[in-house]
N, C-alpha and C. Protein backbone atom coordinates (compact mmCIF):
# COMPACT_ATOMS: atom_id res chain seq x y z
N MET A 1 0.63 -0.74 0.29
CA MET A 1 -0.02 0.67 -0.23
C MET A 1 1.26 1.72 0.12
N PRO A 2 0.70 1.63 -1.32
CA PRO A 2 1.70 3.60 -0.63
C PRO A 2 1.85 4.38 0.07
N PRO A 3 1.94 4.70 0.42
CA PRO A 3 1.93 5.88 2.38
C PRO A 3 0.51 7.25 1.67
N ILE A 4 0.88 7.06 0.06
CA ILE A 4 -0.91 8.54 0.76
C ILE A 4 -1.62 7.32 -0.65
N PRO A 5 -2.89 7.87 0.05
CA PRO A 5 -4.48 7.25 -0.74
C PRO A 5 -3.79 7.70 -2.04
N PRO A 6 -5.12 6.80 -2.93
CA PRO A 6 -5.05 6.98 -4.14
C PRO A 6 -6.67 8.58 -4.17
N PRO A 7 -6.82 9.32 -5.50
CA PRO A 7 -7.97 9.74 -4.09
C PRO A 7 -9.79 9.13 -3.84
N ALA A 8 -10.26 8.57 -4.69
CA ALA A 8 -11.03 7.54 -4.04
C ALA A 8 -11.34 6.98 -2.95
N GLN A 9 -9.81 6.24 -2.74
CA GLN A 9 -10.00 6.06 -1.19
C GLN A 9 -8.89 6.98 -0.45
N THR A 10 -8.88 8.41 -0.58
CA THR A 10 -9.13 9.52 0.01
C THR A 10 -10.61 10.00 0.65
N ARG A 11 -11.61 9.24 -0.13
CA ARG A 11 -12.48 10.05 -0.23
C ARG A 11 -13.71 8.87 0.35
N ARG A 12 -12.86 7.66 0.24
CA ARG A 12 -13.93 6.61 1.15
C ARG A 12 -13.84 7.06 2.85
N LEU A 13 -12.65 7.04 3.19
CA LEU A 13 -11.19 7.70 4.67
C LEU A 13 -12.30 8.64 5.08
N ALA A 14 -12.47 9.06 4.15
CA ALA A 14 -13.30 10.44 4.86
C ALA A 14 -14.66 10.19 4.94
N LEU A 15 -15.69 9.36 4.31
CA LEU A 15 -16.60 9.22 4.52
C LEU A 15 -16.66 8.21 5.81
N TYR A 16 -15.53 7.26 5.92
CA TYR A 16 -15.15 6.10 7.75
C TYR A 16 -14.69 7.49 8.25
N ALA A 17 -14.43 8.29 8.32
CA ALA A 17 -14.38 9.62 10.02
C ALA A 17 -15.25 10.32 10.22
N LEU A 18 -16.62 10.84 8.94
CA LEU A 18 -17.45 11.28 8.90
C LEU A 18 -18.16 11.07 9.40
N VAL A 19 -18.55 9.41 9.46
CA VAL A 19 -19.48 8.50 9.86
C VAL A 19 -19.04 8.38 11.45
N VAL A 20 -17.71 8.33 11.87
CA VAL A 20 -17.09 7.54 12.51
C VAL A 20 -17.53 8.98 13.64
N CYS A 21 -16.93 9.61 13.42
CA CYS A 21 -17.97 11.71 14.23
C CYS A 21 -19.34 11.88 14.23
N VAL A 22 -20.08 11.61 13.15
CA VAL A 22 -21.52 11.24 13.89
C VAL A 22 -21.61 10.74 14.84
N LEU A 23 -20.89 8.99 14.88
CA LEU A 23 -21.37 8.02 16.25
C LEU A 23 -21.05 8.38 17.35
N ALA A 24 -19.44 9.65 17.86
CA ALA A 24 -19.27 9.95 18.22
C ALA A 24 -19.94 10.86 19.29
N VAL A 25 -20.65 11.45 18.65
CA VAL A 25 -21.81 13.01 18.73
C VAL A 25 -22.25 12.21 19.63
N ALA A 26 -23.32 11.11 19.38
CA ALA A 26 -24.44 10.72 18.82
C ALA A 26 -24.25 9.74 20.99
N ALA A 27 -23.33 9.35 20.60
CA ALA A 27 -22.10 8.66 21.45
C ALA A 27 -22.42 9.46 23.27
N ALA A 28 -21.80 10.63 23.12
CA ALA A 28 -22.13 11.62 24.22
C ALA A 28 -22.82 12.36 24.22
N VAL A 29 -24.22 12.78 22.96
CA VAL A 29 -25.46 12.87 23.82
C VAL A 29 -25.55 11.90 24.89
N VAL A 30 -25.86 10.89 24.47
CA VAL A 30 -26.47 10.11 25.40
C VAL A 30 -26.01 9.62 26.74
N SER A 31 -24.34 9.75 26.58
CA SER A 31 -23.35 9.92 27.42
C SER A 31 -24.21 11.23 28.03
N PHE A 32 -23.78 11.94 28.19
CA PHE A 32 -23.98 12.94 28.93
C PHE A 32 -25.80 13.01 29.17
N ALA A 33 -26.76 12.80 28.39
CA ALA A 33 -27.98 12.50 29.32
C ALA A 33 -28.44 11.69 30.14
N ARG A 34 -27.12 10.41 30.38
CA ARG A 34 -27.11 9.57 32.04
C ARG A 34 -26.74 10.20 32.50
N GLY A 35 -25.64 11.25 33.02
CA GLY A 35 -25.13 12.20 33.29
C GLY A 35 -23.45 11.44 33.55
N SER A 36 -23.04 11.05 33.43
CA SER A 36 -22.22 10.22 32.97
C SER A 36 -20.78 11.24 32.16
N TRP A 37 -19.57 11.27 33.02
CA TRP A 37 -19.04 12.99 32.71
C TRP A 37 -17.74 11.70 31.61
N LEU A 38 -18.11 10.79 31.05
CA LEU A 38 -16.93 9.89 30.44
C LEU A 38 -17.67 10.77 29.10
N GLY A 39 -18.74 10.96 28.73
CA GLY A 39 -19.15 12.21 27.49
C GLY A 39 -17.91 13.11 26.77
N ILE A 40 -17.61 13.31 27.86
CA ILE A 40 -15.54 13.85 27.51
C ILE A 40 -15.25 13.76 26.64
N VAL A 41 -14.64 11.99 26.06
CA VAL A 41 -13.73 11.27 25.66
C VAL A 41 -14.09 11.68 24.26
N TRP A 42 -16.17 10.89 24.36
CA TRP A 42 -16.91 10.60 23.42
C TRP A 42 -16.70 12.16 22.21
N VAL A 43 -16.29 13.67 22.67
CA VAL A 43 -16.62 14.95 22.46
C VAL A 43 -15.27 15.35 22.07
N LEU A 44 -14.39 15.25 22.21
CA LEU A 44 -12.62 14.79 22.47
C LEU A 44 -13.14 13.88 20.69
N LEU A 45 -13.19 12.30 21.15
CA LEU A 45 -13.03 11.77 19.87
C LEU A 45 -13.92 12.52 18.35
N ALA A 46 -15.08 12.71 18.14
CA ALA A 46 -15.67 13.64 17.52
C ALA A 46 -14.91 14.98 17.20
N GLY A 47 -14.92 15.59 17.60
CA GLY A 47 -13.36 16.74 17.61
C GLY A 47 -12.24 15.74 16.21
N LEU A 48 -11.44 15.30 16.80
CA LEU A 48 -10.51 13.84 16.01
C LEU A 48 -11.28 13.50 14.81
N THR A 49 -12.24 13.83 15.17
CA THR A 49 -12.32 12.91 12.80
C THR A 49 -12.99 13.64 12.54
N SER A 50 -14.02 14.77 13.21
CA SER A 50 -13.78 16.21 12.46
C SER A 50 -12.68 16.43 11.57
N ASN A 51 -11.84 16.75 11.84
CA ASN A 51 -10.13 17.39 11.37
C ASN A 51 -10.28 16.28 10.49
N MET A 52 -10.51 14.39 10.41
CA MET A 52 -9.90 13.89 9.94
C MET A 52 -10.05 14.29 8.75
N THR A 53 -11.84 14.78 8.87
CA THR A 53 -12.72 14.79 7.39
C THR A 53 -12.41 15.59 6.66
N TRP A 54 -12.66 16.15 7.41
CA TRP A 54 -12.17 17.43 6.77
C TRP A 54 -10.72 18.29 5.52
N TYR A 55 -9.39 17.18 6.88
CA TYR A 55 -8.34 16.59 5.87
C TYR A 55 -8.80 16.40 5.07
N TYR A 56 -9.20 15.74 4.67
CA TYR A 56 -9.16 14.07 3.30
C TYR A 56 -10.57 14.95 2.21
N VAL A 57 -10.80 15.57 2.74
CA VAL A 57 -11.67 16.35 1.70
C VAL A 57 -11.11 16.86 0.74
N LYS A 58 -10.39 18.01 1.69
CA LYS A 58 -9.42 19.34 1.44
C LYS A 58 -8.86 18.53 0.67
N ARG A 59 -8.48 17.61 0.52
CA ARG A 59 -6.21 16.73 0.52
C ARG A 59 -6.92 16.22 -0.83
N GLY A 60 -8.06 15.48 -1.25
CA GLY A 60 -8.75 14.90 -2.58
C GLY A 60 -9.33 16.36 -3.57
N ARG A 61 -10.42 17.34 -3.57
CA ARG A 61 -10.49 18.74 -3.31
C ARG A 61 -9.17 18.53 -4.72
N ALA A 62 -7.99 19.09 -3.51
CA ALA A 62 -7.01 19.86 -4.02
C ALA A 62 -5.96 18.99 -5.09
N ALA A 63 -6.43 17.57 -5.06
CA ALA A 63 -6.47 16.87 -6.19
C ALA A 63 -6.49 16.53 -7.47
N ALA A 64 -8.34 16.46 -7.49
CA ALA A 64 -8.83 17.42 -8.72
C ALA A 64 -8.54 18.94 -9.39
N ALA A 65 -8.70 19.72 -8.19
CA ALA A 65 -8.98 21.34 -9.17
C ALA A 65 -6.85 20.97 -9.86
N ARG A 66 -5.54 19.72 -9.55
CA ARG A 66 -4.43 20.39 -10.01
C ARG A 66 -4.84 19.82 -11.18
N GLY A 67 -6.12 18.24 -10.91
CA GLY A 67 -5.26 17.33 -11.83
C GLY A 67 -5.04 16.07 -12.09
N LYS A 68 -4.79 15.59 -10.88
CA LYS A 68 -3.38 15.03 -10.53
C LYS A 68 -3.55 14.15 -9.46
N SER A 69 -3.28 12.70 -10.08
CA SER A 69 -3.65 11.72 -8.74
C SER A 69 -2.59 11.84 -7.38
N VAL A 70 -2.93 11.93 -6.58
CA VAL A 70 -3.10 11.70 -4.75
C VAL A 70 -1.09 11.63 -4.33
N THR A 71 -1.46 10.46 -5.21
CA THR A 71 -0.17 9.45 -5.19
C THR A 71 0.79 9.24 -6.05
N GLY A 72 1.09 11.03 -7.57
CA GLY A 72 1.66 11.60 -8.55
C GLY A 72 2.23 12.35 -7.86
């Protein structure tokens, strides 16, 4: 596997990160609603995966704008 994923894989990684972000937000809401402070961990995970999503989206758009493969 190359160190930098190709554009199709970049989109897939962005989608996976977005799904994890949504699930982490839902888990944080449930955790806080039950009175548990463990929700803080879920909020941090949501922030991390949100940043990962934007990173892969911007990387894919930049590669498409250049007209080149991300691996090239």
